[in-house]
C-alpha atoms as a PDB file:
ATOM      1  CA  UNK A   1      28.910 -19.752 -19.309  1.00  0.00           C
ATOM      2  CA  UNK A   2      26.194 -18.298 -17.077  1.00  0.00           C
ATOM      3  CA  UNK A   3      23.282 -20.753 -16.571  1.00  0.00           C
ATOM      4  CA  UNK A   4      19.670 -19.592 -16.656  1.00  0.00           C
ATOM      5  CA  UNK A   5      19.021 -21.294 -13.317  1.00  0.00           C
ATOM      6  CA  UNK A   6      20.914 -22.801 -10.381  1.00  0.00           C
ATOM      7  CA  UNK A   7      18.831 -25.103  -8.181  1.00  0.00           C
ATOM      8  CA  UNK A   8      21.462 -24.994  -5.437  1.00  0.00           C
ATOM      9  CA  UNK A   9      22.063 -21.242  -5.443  1.00  0.00           C
ATOM     10  CA  UNK A  10      22.732 -19.706  -2.012  1.00  0.00           C
ATOM     11  CA  UNK A  11      24.249 -16.391  -3.086  1.00  0.00           C
ATOM     12  CA  UNK A  12      21.906 -14.327  -0.933  1.00  0.00           C
ATOM     13  CA  UNK A  13      22.400 -15.168   2.738  1.00  0.00           C
ATOM     14  CA  UNK A  14      19.149 -13.558   3.884  1.00  0.00           C
ATOM     15  CA  UNK A  15      17.079 -15.462   1.314  1.00  0.00           C
ATOM     16  CA  UNK A  16      18.867 -18.775   1.931  1.00  0.00           C
ATOM     17  CA  UNK A  17      18.386 -18.463   5.690  1.00  0.00           C
ATOM     18  CA  UNK A  18      14.717 -17.601   5.181  1.00  0.00           C
ATOM     19  CA  UNK A  19      14.182 -20.627   2.941  1.00  0.00           C
ATOM     20  CA  UNK A  20      15.786 -22.833   5.596  1.00  0.00           C
ATOM     21  CA  UNK A  21      13.424 -21.364   8.183  1.00  0.00           C
ATOM     22  CA  UNK A  22      10.373 -21.838   5.942  1.00  0.00           C
ATOM     23  CA  UNK A  23      11.404 -25.415   5.158  1.00  0.00           C
ATOM     24  CA  UNK A  24      11.524 -26.128   8.879  1.00  0.00           C
ATOM     25  CA  UNK A  25       8.028 -24.722   9.381  1.00  0.00           C
ATOM     26  CA  UNK A  26       6.574 -26.286   6.237  1.00  0.00           C
ATOM     27  CA  UNK A  27       8.573 -29.443   5.470  1.00  0.00           C
ATOM     28  CA  UNK A  28       6.178 -30.347   2.650  1.00  0.00           C
ATOM     29  CA  UNK A  29       6.915 -27.085   0.775  1.00  0.00           C
ATOM     30  CA  UNK A  30       9.310 -26.827  -2.181  1.00  0.00           C
ATOM     31  CA  UNK A  31      11.196 -24.052  -0.295  1.00  0.00           C
ATOM     32  CA  UNK A  32      14.080 -23.688  -2.773  1.00  0.00           C
ATOM     33  CA  UNK A  33      14.950 -21.562  -5.805  1.00  0.00           C
ATOM     34  CA  UNK A  34      11.990 -21.907  -8.195  1.00  0.00           C
ATOM     35  CA  UNK A  35      12.948 -22.794 -11.782  1.00  0.00           C
ATOM     36  CA  UNK A  36      11.460 -21.212 -14.903  1.00  0.00           C
ATOM     37  CA  UNK A  37       8.475 -23.104 -16.289  1.00  0.00           C
ATOM     38  CA  UNK A  38       7.408 -23.660 -19.871  1.00  0.00           C
ATOM     39  CA  UNK A  39       8.605 -24.036 -23.432  1.00  0.00           C
ATOM     40  CA  UNK A  40      12.411 -23.716 -23.704  1.00  0.00           C
ATOM     41  CA  UNK A  41      11.977 -22.373 -27.264  1.00  0.00           C
ATOM     42  CA  UNK A  42       9.171 -19.974 -26.368  1.00  0.00           C
ATOM     43  CA  UNK A  43       8.729 -16.621 -28.097  1.00  0.00           C
ATOM     44  CA  UNK A  44       6.948 -15.234 -25.025  1.00  0.00           C
ATOM     45  CA  UNK A  45       8.808 -14.879 -21.746  1.00  0.00           C
ATOM     46  CA  UNK A  46       6.757 -13.687 -18.775  1.00  0.00           C
ATOM     47  CA  UNK A  47       8.812 -12.172 -15.963  1.00  0.00           C
ATOM     48  CA  UNK A  48       7.297 -11.928 -12.492  1.00  0.00           C
ATOM     49  CA  UNK A  49       8.788 -10.637  -9.252  1.00  0.00           C
ATOM     50  CA  UNK A  50       9.495 -13.591  -6.938  1.00  0.00           C
ATOM     51  CA  UNK A  51       7.864 -16.781  -5.611  1.00  0.00           C
ATOM     52  CA  UNK A  52       4.989 -16.303  -3.173  1.00  0.00           C
ATOM     53  CA  UNK A  53       5.124 -17.960   0.246  1.00  0.00           C
ATOM     54  CA  UNK A  54       2.153 -20.298  -0.269  1.00  0.00           C
ATOM     55  CA  UNK A  55       2.258 -20.237  -4.075  1.00  0.00           C
ATOM     56  CA  UNK A  56       5.395 -21.019  -6.066  1.00  0.00           C
ATOM     57  CA  UNK A  57       7.442 -21.472  -2.904  1.00  0.00           C
ATOM     58  CA  UNK A  58       5.028 -24.256  -1.925  1.00  0.00           C
ATOM     59  CA  UNK A  59       4.495 -25.873  -5.327  1.00  0.00           C
ATOM     60  CA  UNK A  60       7.804 -25.270  -7.099  1.00  0.00           C
ATOM     61  CA  UNK A  61       6.155 -23.726 -10.176  1.00  0.00           C
ATOM     62  CA  UNK A  62       5.885 -19.962 -10.866  1.00  0.00           C
ATOM     63  CA  UNK A  63       2.450 -18.449 -10.125  1.00  0.00           C
ATOM     64  CA  UNK A  64       1.031 -21.804  -9.036  1.00  0.00           C
ATOM     65  CA  UNK A  65      -1.038 -22.097  -5.888  1.00  0.00           C
ATOM     66  CA  UNK A  66      -1.583 -18.403  -5.226  1.00  0.00           C
ATOM     67  CA  UNK A  67      -4.107 -15.735  -6.199  1.00  0.00           C
ATOM     68  CA  UNK A  68      -1.924 -14.097  -8.842  1.00  0.00           C
ATOM     69  CA  UNK A  69      -1.782 -17.316 -10.824  1.00  0.00           C
ATOM     70  CA  UNK A  70      -5.562 -17.583 -11.144  1.00  0.00           C
ATOM     71  CA  UNK A  71      -5.854 -14.722 -13.639  1.00  0.00           C
ATOM     72  CA  UNK A  72      -2.503 -15.433 -15.285  1.00  0.00           C
ATOM     73  CA  UNK A  73      -3.111 -19.076 -16.182  1.00  0.00           C
ATOM     74  CA  UNK A  74      -6.744 -18.489 -17.151  1.00  0.00           C
ATOM     75  CA  UNK A  75      -5.640 -15.740 -19.535  1.00  0.00           C
ATOM     76  CA  UNK A  76      -2.793 -17.868 -20.893  1.00  0.00           C
ATOM     77  CA  UNK A  77      -5.287 -20.624 -21.654  1.00  0.00           C
ATOM     78  CA  UNK A  78      -7.731 -18.212 -23.310  1.00  0.00           C
ATOM     79  CA  UNK A  79      -4.865 -16.843 -25.418  1.00  0.00           C
ATOM     80  CA  UNK A  80      -3.713 -20.286 -26.538  1.00  0.00           C
ATOM     81  CA  UNK A  81      -0.492 -20.385 -24.516  1.00  0.00           C
ATOM     82  CA  UNK A  82      -1.580 -22.943 -21.890  1.00  0.00           C
ATOM     83  CA  UNK A  83      -3.169 -26.375 -22.224  1.00  0.00           C
ATOM     84  CA  UNK A  84      -5.542 -25.772 -19.308  1.00  0.00           C
ATOM     85  CA  UNK A  85      -6.882 -22.722 -17.404  1.00  0.00           C
ATOM     86  CA  UNK A  86      -5.797 -23.721 -13.903  1.00  0.00           C
ATOM     87  CA  UNK A  87      -2.315 -24.442 -12.561  1.00  0.00           C
ATOM     88  CA  UNK A  88      -2.621 -26.543  -9.425  1.00  0.00           C
ATOM     89  CA  UNK A  89       0.708 -28.304  -8.925  1.00  0.00           C
ATOM     90  CA  UNK A  90       4.038 -28.821 -10.649  1.00  0.00           C
ATOM     91  CA  UNK A  91       2.946 -32.324 -11.699  1.00  0.00           C
ATOM     92  CA  UNK A  92      -0.608 -31.539 -12.853  1.00  0.00           C
ATOM     93  CA  UNK A  93       0.177 -32.042 -16.549  1.00  0.00           C
ATOM     94  CA  UNK A  94      -0.285 -28.417 -17.591  1.00  0.00           C
ATOM     95  CA  UNK A  95       1.776 -27.501 -20.669  1.00  0.00           C
ATOM     96  CA  UNK A  96       2.763 -24.033 -21.832  1.00  0.00           C
ATOM     97  CA  UNK A  97       3.010 -23.610 -25.585  1.00  0.00           C
ATOM     98  CA  UNK A  98       5.362 -20.945 -27.014  1.00  0.00           C
ATOM     99  CA  UNK A  99       5.484 -19.415 -23.520  1.00  0.00           C
ATOM    100  CA  UNK A 100       7.763 -19.581 -20.478  1.00  0.00           C
ATOM    101  CA  UNK A 101       7.387 -18.023 -17.038  1.00  0.00           C
ATOM    102  CA  UNK A 102      10.269 -16.925 -14.835  1.00  0.00           C
ATOM    103  CA  UNK A 103      10.892 -14.529 -11.953  1.00  0.00           C
ATOM    104  CA  UNK A 104      13.288 -11.651 -11.424  1.00  0.00           C
ATOM    105  CA  UNK A 105      14.179 -13.248  -8.073  1.00  0.00           C
ATOM    106  CA  UNK A 106      14.076 -17.031  -7.919  1.00  0.00           C
ATOM    107  CA  UNK A 107      13.836 -17.396  -4.099  1.00  0.00           C
ATOM    108  CA  UNK A 108      11.060 -16.459  -1.701  1.00  0.00           C
ATOM    109  CA  UNK A 109      11.852 -13.121   0.007  1.00  0.00           C
ATOM    110  CA  UNK A 110      10.536 -12.187   3.461  1.00  0.00           C
ATOM    111  CA  UNK A 111       7.270 -10.216   3.196  1.00  0.00           C
ATOM    112  CA  UNK A 112       7.477 -10.788  -0.593  1.00  0.00           C
ATOM    113  CA  UNK A 113       9.948  -7.879  -0.771  1.00  0.00           C
ATOM    114  CA  UNK A 114      13.421  -8.671  -2.146  1.00  0.00           C
ATOM    115  CA  UNK A 115      16.217  -6.248  -1.373  1.00  0.00           C
ATOM    116  CA  UNK A 116      17.863  -4.357  -4.225  1.00  0.00           C
ATOM    117  CA  UNK A 117      21.047  -6.372  -3.794  1.00  0.00           C
ATOM    118  CA  UNK A 118      19.093  -9.618  -4.057  1.00  0.00           C
ATOM    119  CA  UNK A 119      17.419  -8.507  -7.264  1.00  0.00           C
ATOM    120  CA  UNK A 120      20.836  -7.616  -8.685  1.00  0.00           C
ATOM    121  CA  UNK A 121      22.399 -10.905  -7.546  1.00  0.00           C
ATOM    122  CA  UNK A 122      19.727 -12.867  -9.424  1.00  0.00           C
ATOM    123  CA  UNK A 123      19.945 -10.675 -12.533  1.00  0.00           C
ATOM    124  CA  UNK A 124      22.651 -12.700 -14.355  1.00  0.00           C
ATOM    125  CA  UNK A 125      20.252 -15.660 -14.477  1.00  0.00           C
ATOM    126  CA  UNK A 126      17.633 -13.470 -16.156  1.00  0.00           C
ATOM    127  CA  UNK A 127      20.241 -12.077 -18.547  1.00  0.00           C
ATOM    128  CA  UNK A 128      21.167 -15.610 -19.585  1.00  0.00           C
ATOM    129  CA  UNK A 129      17.515 -16.457 -20.077  1.00  0.00           C
ATOM    130  CA  UNK A 130      16.925 -13.386 -22.238  1.00  0.00           C
ATOM    131  CA  UNK A 131      19.778 -14.522 -24.462  1.00  0.00           C
ATOM    132  CA  UNK A 132      17.781 -17.653 -25.301  1.00  0.00           C
ATOM    133  CA  UNK A 133      14.940 -15.557 -26.744  1.00  0.00           C
ATOM    134  CA  UNK A 134      14.932 -15.277 -30.535  1.00  0.00           C
ATOM    135  CA  UNK A 135      14.685 -11.912 -32.303  1.00  0.00           C
ATOM    136  CA  UNK A 136      11.067 -10.785 -32.470  1.00  0.00           C
ATOM    137  CA  UNK A 137      10.194 -12.480 -29.176  1.00  0.00           C
ATOM    138  CA  UNK A 138       8.113 -10.749 -26.512  1.00  0.00           C
ATOM    139  CA  UNK A 139       9.209 -10.205 -22.918  1.00  0.00           C
ATOM    140  CA  UNK A 140       6.207  -9.431 -20.719  1.00  0.00           C
ATOM    141  CA  UNK A 141       7.201  -7.739 -17.462  1.00  0.00           C
ATOM    142  CA  UNK A 142       4.650  -7.980 -14.661  1.00  0.00           C
ATOM    143  CA  UNK A 143       5.302  -4.931 -12.507  1.00  0.00           C
ATOM    144  CA  UNK A 144       8.053  -2.352 -12.226  1.00  0.00           C
ATOM    145  CA  UNK A 145      10.642  -4.526 -10.475  1.00  0.00           C
ATOM    146  CA  UNK A 146      10.361  -7.121 -13.241  1.00  0.00           C
ATOM    147  CA  UNK A 147      10.541  -4.320 -15.820  1.00  0.00           C
ATOM    148  CA  UNK A 148      13.691  -2.849 -14.270  1.00  0.00           C
ATOM    149  CA  UNK A 149      15.244  -6.309 -13.963  1.00  0.00           C
ATOM    150  CA  UNK A 150      14.728  -6.948 -17.673  1.00  0.00           C
ATOM    151  CA  UNK A 151      16.368  -3.614 -18.484  1.00  0.00           C
ATOM    152  CA  UNK A 152      19.385  -4.341 -16.264  1.00  0.00           C
ATOM    153  CA  UNK A 153      19.700  -7.805 -17.751  1.00  0.00           C
ATOM    154  CA  UNK A 154      19.636  -6.231 -21.215  1.00  0.00           C
ATOM    155  CA  UNK A 155      22.377  -3.737 -20.357  1.00  0.00           C
ATOM    156  CA  UNK A 156      20.365  -0.577 -21.046  1.00  0.00           C
ATOM    157  CA  UNK A 157      19.629   2.569 -19.032  1.00  0.00           C
ATOM    158  CA  UNK A 158      16.546   2.301 -16.875  1.00  0.00           C
ATOM    159  CA  UNK A 159      15.731   5.986 -17.380  1.00  0.00           C
ATOM    160  CA  UNK A 160      15.252   5.463 -21.122  1.00  0.00           C
ATOM    161  CA  UNK A 161      12.429   2.931 -20.672  1.00  0.00           C
ATOM    162  CA  UNK A 162       9.722   4.032 -18.281  1.00  0.00           C
ATOM    163  CA  UNK A 163       7.391   1.444 -16.783  1.00  0.00           C
ATOM    164  CA  UNK A 164       3.698   1.788 -17.489  1.00  0.00           C
ATOM    165  CA  UNK A 165       0.817  -0.575 -18.076  1.00  0.00           C
ATOM    166  CA  UNK A 166       0.773  -1.526 -21.792  1.00  0.00           C
ATOM    167  CA  UNK A 167       4.020   0.378 -22.403  1.00  0.00           C
ATOM    168  CA  UNK A 168       5.950  -1.212 -25.262  1.00  0.00           C
ATOM    169  CA  UNK A 169       9.606  -0.918 -26.243  1.00  0.00           C
ATOM    170  CA  UNK A 170      12.024  -2.382 -28.752  1.00  0.00           C
ATOM    171  CA  UNK A 171      14.828  -3.972 -26.774  1.00  0.00           C
ATOM    172  CA  UNK A 172      17.806  -5.614 -28.458  1.00  0.00           C
ATOM    173  CA  UNK A 173      15.668  -6.979 -31.280  1.00  0.00           C
ATOM    174  CA  UNK A 174      12.893  -8.131 -28.967  1.00  0.00           C
ATOM    175  CA  UNK A 175       9.794  -6.397 -27.626  1.00  0.00           C
ATOM    176  CA  UNK A 176       9.426  -5.474 -23.969  1.00  0.00           C
ATOM    177  CA  UNK A 177       5.769  -5.171 -22.997  1.00  0.00           C
ATOM    178  CA  UNK A 178       4.669  -4.043 -19.534  1.00  0.00           C
ATOM    179  CA  UNK A 179       1.654  -4.948 -17.436  1.00  0.00           C
ATOM    180  CA  UNK A 180       0.614  -4.254 -13.895  1.00  0.00           C
ATOM    181  CA  UNK A 181       1.267  -7.361 -11.816  1.00  0.00           C
ATOM    182  CA  UNK A 182      -1.727  -9.698 -11.529  1.00  0.00           C
ATOM    183  CA  UNK A 183      -1.519  -9.627  -7.726  1.00  0.00           C
ATOM    184  CA  UNK A 184      -4.526  -9.828  -5.439  1.00  0.00           C
ATOM    185  CA  UNK A 185      -4.064  -6.165  -4.502  1.00  0.00           C
ATOM    186  CA  UNK A 186      -4.091  -4.958  -8.114  1.00  0.00           C
ATOM    187  CA  UNK A 187      -7.055  -7.078  -9.188  1.00  0.00           C
ATOM    188  CA  UNK A 188      -9.184  -6.409  -6.107  1.00  0.00           C
ATOM    189  CA  UNK A 189      -8.629  -2.646  -6.337  1.00  0.00           C
ATOM    190  CA  UNK A 190      -9.260  -2.917 -10.090  1.00  0.00           C
ATOM    191  CA  UNK A 191      -6.000  -1.216 -10.878  1.00  0.00           C
ATOM    192  CA  UNK A 192      -5.746  -4.231 -13.181  1.00  0.00           C
ATOM    193  CA  UNK A 193      -8.998  -5.571 -14.594  1.00  0.00           C
ATOM    194  CA  UNK A 194      -9.462  -8.857 -16.403  1.00  0.00           C
ATOM    195  CA  UNK A 195     -10.145  -6.930 -19.631  1.00  0.00           C
ATOM    196  CA  UNK A 196      -6.923  -4.942 -19.241  1.00  0.00           C
ATOM    197  CA  UNK A 197      -4.948  -8.154 -18.796  1.00  0.00           C
ATOM    198  CA  UNK A 198      -6.670  -9.851 -21.744  1.00  0.00           C
ATOM    199  CA  UNK A 199      -5.806  -6.852 -23.895  1.00  0.00           C
ATOM    200  CA  UNK A 200      -2.128  -7.310 -23.027  1.00  0.00           C
ATOM    201  CA  UNK A 201      -2.204 -10.848 -24.395  1.00  0.00           C
ATOM    202  CA  UNK A 202      -4.119  -9.746 -27.468  1.00  0.00           C
ATOM    203  CA  UNK A 203      -1.222  -7.389 -28.098  1.00  0.00           C
ATOM    204  CA  UNK A 204       1.291 -10.195 -27.491  1.00  0.00           C
ATOM    205  CA  UNK A 205      -0.423 -12.308 -30.139  1.00  0.00           C
ATOM    206  CA  UNK A 206      -0.421  -9.382 -32.567  1.00  0.00           C
ATOM    207  CA  UNK A 207       3.305  -8.800 -32.094  1.00  0.00           C
ATOM    208  CA  UNK A 208       4.070 -12.477 -32.578  1.00  0.00           C
ATOM    209  CA  UNK A 209       1.929 -12.530 -35.700  1.00  0.00           C
ATOM    210  CA  UNK A 210      -0.388 -15.216 -34.436  1.00  0.00           C
ATOM    211  CA  UNK A 211      -3.454 -13.136 -33.539  1.00  0.00           C
END
């Protein structure tokens, strides 16, 4: 049976070698495959791209310690999914309620750009995680790579489900909802505003029937 996560995974030679290099430079960093974080019975699964060098790769928790996590965790708290608005460290006591966060690629890629083969190699873990989601759950894809990874993991044609901010699709009894990634680039250029991101979570609550 395919697990949802393998802490010792070294399938991708380039990524494993890079993590070894990073661990040598930053011995205090987590520098390993980053596990999903949150409620194992969650009805909301947030899918990001990959750990950031000085964020999740440092702390060992998705979207923790980098700019992208600032907006994400604040919005999760405002929407009632997180016990506090700031995620500082893996042991800071923050709890996600009815929500879990994962990444399409579990290991830090060089320049934050995983290769297509690396995304595909990690996809069975995402597929296994999707199988844990109950019918009626919401899968929130942050960015096109996360969107495409969810589609591959669901065994459907990518061409039938086009990525777009606030795009929404029925997918094997669940709902796939898209958002632009909450990266520094997208927020600073205002491609993604705080209001746009809040609206996504308002829609999540409406779908789940807890608005």
